[in-house]
C-alpha atoms as a PDB file:
ATOM      1  CA  UNK A   1     149.965  39.320 133.800  1.00  0.00           C
ATOM      2  CA  UNK A   2     149.259  41.957 131.184  1.00  0.00           C
ATOM      3  CA  UNK A   3     149.702  45.579 132.317  1.00  0.00           C
ATOM      4  CA  UNK A   4     146.747  46.635 130.185  1.00  0.00           C
ATOM      5  CA  UNK A   5     144.627  44.254 132.243  1.00  0.00           C
ATOM      6  CA  UNK A   6     145.950  45.804 135.484  1.00  0.00           C
ATOM      7  CA  UNK A   7     145.164  49.306 134.195  1.00  0.00           C
ATOM      8  CA  UNK A   8     141.587  48.302 133.528  1.00  0.00           C
ATOM      9  CA  UNK A   9     140.990  47.083 137.116  1.00  0.00           C
ATOM     10  CA  UNK A  10     139.295  49.311 139.676  1.00  0.00           C
ATOM     11  CA  UNK A  11     140.965  50.293 142.939  1.00  0.00           C
ATOM     12  CA  UNK A  12     138.931  47.719 144.884  1.00  0.00           C
ATOM     13  CA  UNK A  13     139.858  44.961 142.439  1.00  0.00           C
ATOM     14  CA  UNK A  14     143.536  45.932 142.640  1.00  0.00           C
ATOM     15  CA  UNK A  15     143.376  45.875 146.435  1.00  0.00           C
ATOM     16  CA  UNK A  16     141.848  42.388 146.411  1.00  0.00           C
ATOM     17  CA  UNK A  17     144.581  41.259 144.014  1.00  0.00           C
ATOM     18  CA  UNK A  18     147.190  42.790 146.335  1.00  0.00           C
ATOM     19  CA  UNK A  19     145.784  40.869 149.313  1.00  0.00           C
ATOM     20  CA  UNK A  20     145.781  37.613 147.339  1.00  0.00           C
ATOM     21  CA  UNK A  21     149.395  38.101 146.264  1.00  0.00           C
ATOM     22  CA  UNK A  22     150.433  38.981 149.823  1.00  0.00           C
ATOM     23  CA  UNK A  23     148.723  35.890 151.238  1.00  0.00           C
ATOM     24  CA  UNK A  24     150.301  33.672 148.579  1.00  0.00           C
ATOM     25  CA  UNK A  25     153.785  35.096 149.198  1.00  0.00           C
ATOM     26  CA  UNK A  26     153.389  34.729 152.962  1.00  0.00           C
ATOM     27  CA  UNK A  27     152.415  31.076 152.583  1.00  0.00           C
ATOM     28  CA  UNK A  28     155.345  30.343 150.258  1.00  0.00           C
ATOM     29  CA  UNK A  29     157.764  32.082 152.629  1.00  0.00           C
ATOM     30  CA  UNK A  30     156.520  29.999 155.561  1.00  0.00           C
ATOM     31  CA  UNK A  31     156.993  26.801 153.556  1.00  0.00           C
ATOM     32  CA  UNK A  32     160.533  27.844 152.595  1.00  0.00           C
ATOM     33  CA  UNK A  33     161.338  28.780 156.189  1.00  0.00           C
ATOM     34  CA  UNK A  34     160.147  25.377 157.428  1.00  0.00           C
ATOM     35  CA  UNK A  35     162.308  23.637 154.807  1.00  0.00           C
ATOM     36  CA  UNK A  36     165.365  25.668 155.791  1.00  0.00           C
ATOM     37  CA  UNK A  37     164.828  25.039 159.500  1.00  0.00           C
ATOM     38  CA  UNK A  38     164.555  21.311 158.793  1.00  0.00           C
ATOM     39  CA  UNK A  39     167.812  21.406 156.826  1.00  0.00           C
ATOM     40  CA  UNK A  40     169.530  23.308 159.641  1.00  0.00           C
ATOM     41  CA  UNK A  41     168.230  20.814 162.153  1.00  0.00           C
ATOM     42  CA  UNK A  42     169.605  17.913 160.095  1.00  0.00           C
ATOM     43  CA  UNK A  43     172.972  19.685 159.852  1.00  0.00           C
ATOM     44  CA  UNK A  44     173.027  20.257 163.611  1.00  0.00           C
ATOM     45  CA  UNK A  45     172.983  24.041 163.353  1.00  0.00           C
ATOM     46  CA  UNK A  46     169.482  24.558 164.689  1.00  0.00           C
ATOM     47  CA  UNK A  47     170.828  25.180 168.197  1.00  0.00           C
ATOM     48  CA  UNK A  48     172.788  28.202 167.017  1.00  0.00           C
ATOM     49  CA  UNK A  49     169.666  29.881 165.655  1.00  0.00           C
ATOM     50  CA  UNK A  50     167.823  29.361 168.938  1.00  0.00           C
ATOM     51  CA  UNK A  51     170.744  30.800 170.930  1.00  0.00           C
ATOM     52  CA  UNK A  52     170.008  34.171 169.404  1.00  0.00           C
ATOM     53  CA  UNK A  53     166.476  34.052 170.807  1.00  0.00           C
ATOM     54  CA  UNK A  54     167.613  33.528 174.403  1.00  0.00           C
ATOM     55  CA  UNK A  55     167.299  36.361 176.818  1.00  0.00           C
ATOM     56  CA  UNK A  56     170.248  37.545 178.851  1.00  0.00           C
ATOM     57  CA  UNK A  57     170.436  36.411 182.412  1.00  0.00           C
ATOM     58  CA  UNK A  58     169.153  38.975 184.879  1.00  0.00           C
ATOM     59  CA  UNK A  59     171.862  40.899 186.659  1.00  0.00           C
ATOM     60  CA  UNK A  60     171.436  42.219 190.177  1.00  0.00           C
ATOM     61  CA  UNK A  61     170.977  45.975 190.483  1.00  0.00           C
ATOM     62  CA  UNK A  62     174.241  47.866 190.794  1.00  0.00           C
ATOM     63  CA  UNK A  63     174.523  50.267 193.695  1.00  0.00           C
ATOM     64  CA  UNK A  64     175.625  53.823 192.994  1.00  0.00           C
ATOM     65  CA  UNK A  65     179.290  54.498 193.555  1.00  0.00           C
ATOM     66  CA  UNK A  66     179.541  58.208 192.717  1.00  0.00           C
ATOM     67  CA  UNK A  67     177.329  61.173 193.635  1.00  0.00           C
ATOM     68  CA  UNK A  68     176.995  64.683 192.270  1.00  0.00           C
ATOM     69  CA  UNK A  69     177.838  67.038 195.169  1.00  0.00           C
ATOM     70  CA  UNK A  70     175.674  69.798 193.649  1.00  0.00           C
ATOM     71  CA  UNK A  71     172.642  67.514 193.310  1.00  0.00           C
ATOM     72  CA  UNK A  72     172.792  64.437 195.610  1.00  0.00           C
ATOM     73  CA  UNK A  73     169.915  62.813 193.717  1.00  0.00           C
ATOM     74  CA  UNK A  74     172.226  62.312 190.725  1.00  0.00           C
ATOM     75  CA  UNK A  75     174.320  59.194 191.143  1.00  0.00           C
ATOM     76  CA  UNK A  76     176.363  56.892 188.927  1.00  0.00           C
ATOM     77  CA  UNK A  77     177.335  53.257 189.393  1.00  0.00           C
ATOM     78  CA  UNK A  78     180.640  53.614 187.580  1.00  0.00           C
ATOM     79  CA  UNK A  79     179.429  51.514 184.663  1.00  0.00           C
ATOM     80  CA  UNK A  80     178.606  52.707 181.190  1.00  0.00           C
ATOM     81  CA  UNK A  81     179.006  56.238 179.894  1.00  0.00           C
ATOM     82  CA  UNK A  82     179.996  59.113 182.119  1.00  0.00           C
ATOM     83  CA  UNK A  83     176.953  61.053 183.273  1.00  0.00           C
ATOM     84  CA  UNK A  84     176.462  64.633 182.089  1.00  0.00           C
ATOM     85  CA  UNK A  85     177.084  66.116 185.509  1.00  0.00           C
ATOM     86  CA  UNK A  86     180.470  64.377 185.845  1.00  0.00           C
ATOM     87  CA  UNK A  87     182.074  65.183 182.474  1.00  0.00           C
ATOM     88  CA  UNK A  88     182.616  68.928 182.977  1.00  0.00           C
ATOM     89  CA  UNK A  89     183.836  68.423 186.520  1.00  0.00           C
ATOM     90  CA  UNK A  90     186.473  65.927 185.390  1.00  0.00           C
ATOM     91  CA  UNK A  91     187.504  68.194 182.509  1.00  0.00           C
ATOM     92  CA  UNK A  92     187.894  71.017 185.008  1.00  0.00           C
ATOM     93  CA  UNK A  93     190.555  69.063 186.860  1.00  0.00           C
ATOM     94  CA  UNK A  94     188.441  67.137 189.346  1.00  0.00           C
ATOM     95  CA  UNK A  95     189.363  63.571 190.265  1.00  0.00           C
ATOM     96  CA  UNK A  96     186.881  60.711 190.116  1.00  0.00           C
ATOM     97  CA  UNK A  97     187.691  59.797 193.727  1.00  0.00           C
ATOM     98  CA  UNK A  98     186.294  63.166 194.840  1.00  0.00           C
ATOM     99  CA  UNK A  99     182.795  61.991 193.881  1.00  0.00           C
ATOM    100  CA  UNK A 100     182.870  58.622 195.653  1.00  0.00           C
ATOM    101  CA  UNK A 101     179.920  58.006 197.920  1.00  0.00           C
ATOM    102  CA  UNK A 102     180.955  57.531 201.543  1.00  0.00           C
ATOM    103  CA  UNK A 103     180.418  53.848 202.336  1.00  0.00           C
ATOM    104  CA  UNK A 104     179.137  54.628 205.841  1.00  0.00           C
ATOM    105  CA  UNK A 105     176.358  56.834 204.471  1.00  0.00           C
ATOM    106  CA  UNK A 106     175.460  54.140 201.976  1.00  0.00           C
ATOM    107  CA  UNK A 107     175.112  51.578 204.751  1.00  0.00           C
ATOM    108  CA  UNK A 108     173.023  53.988 206.859  1.00  0.00           C
ATOM    109  CA  UNK A 109     170.627  54.645 203.980  1.00  0.00           C
ATOM    110  CA  UNK A 110     170.355  50.908 203.322  1.00  0.00           C
ATOM    111  CA  UNK A 111     169.424  50.252 206.953  1.00  0.00           C
ATOM    112  CA  UNK A 112     166.841  53.072 207.103  1.00  0.00           C
END
């Protein structure tokens, strides 16, 4: 297409042209995607692409294992990153076992 022709078009005409080009490209991309998926299916690789779409299995909730003595509402299961309240206490010489939640109190709170 001639750039002089594009310069002579109004904003509305350019927008309509943009929408037509976008629709045409979208259609061509969908056709190409369908062809590629068919080729993958024939090669036996289609299952690998669908594996990426699967959701992870649900895991049961993990009970807290450690508690902040200064704020009992702050707990940590022991998984993932150290919580903010625990880092400085461990750096200060504290041991992780000092923050363990008493199993008897856990069972009492579960019963209540």
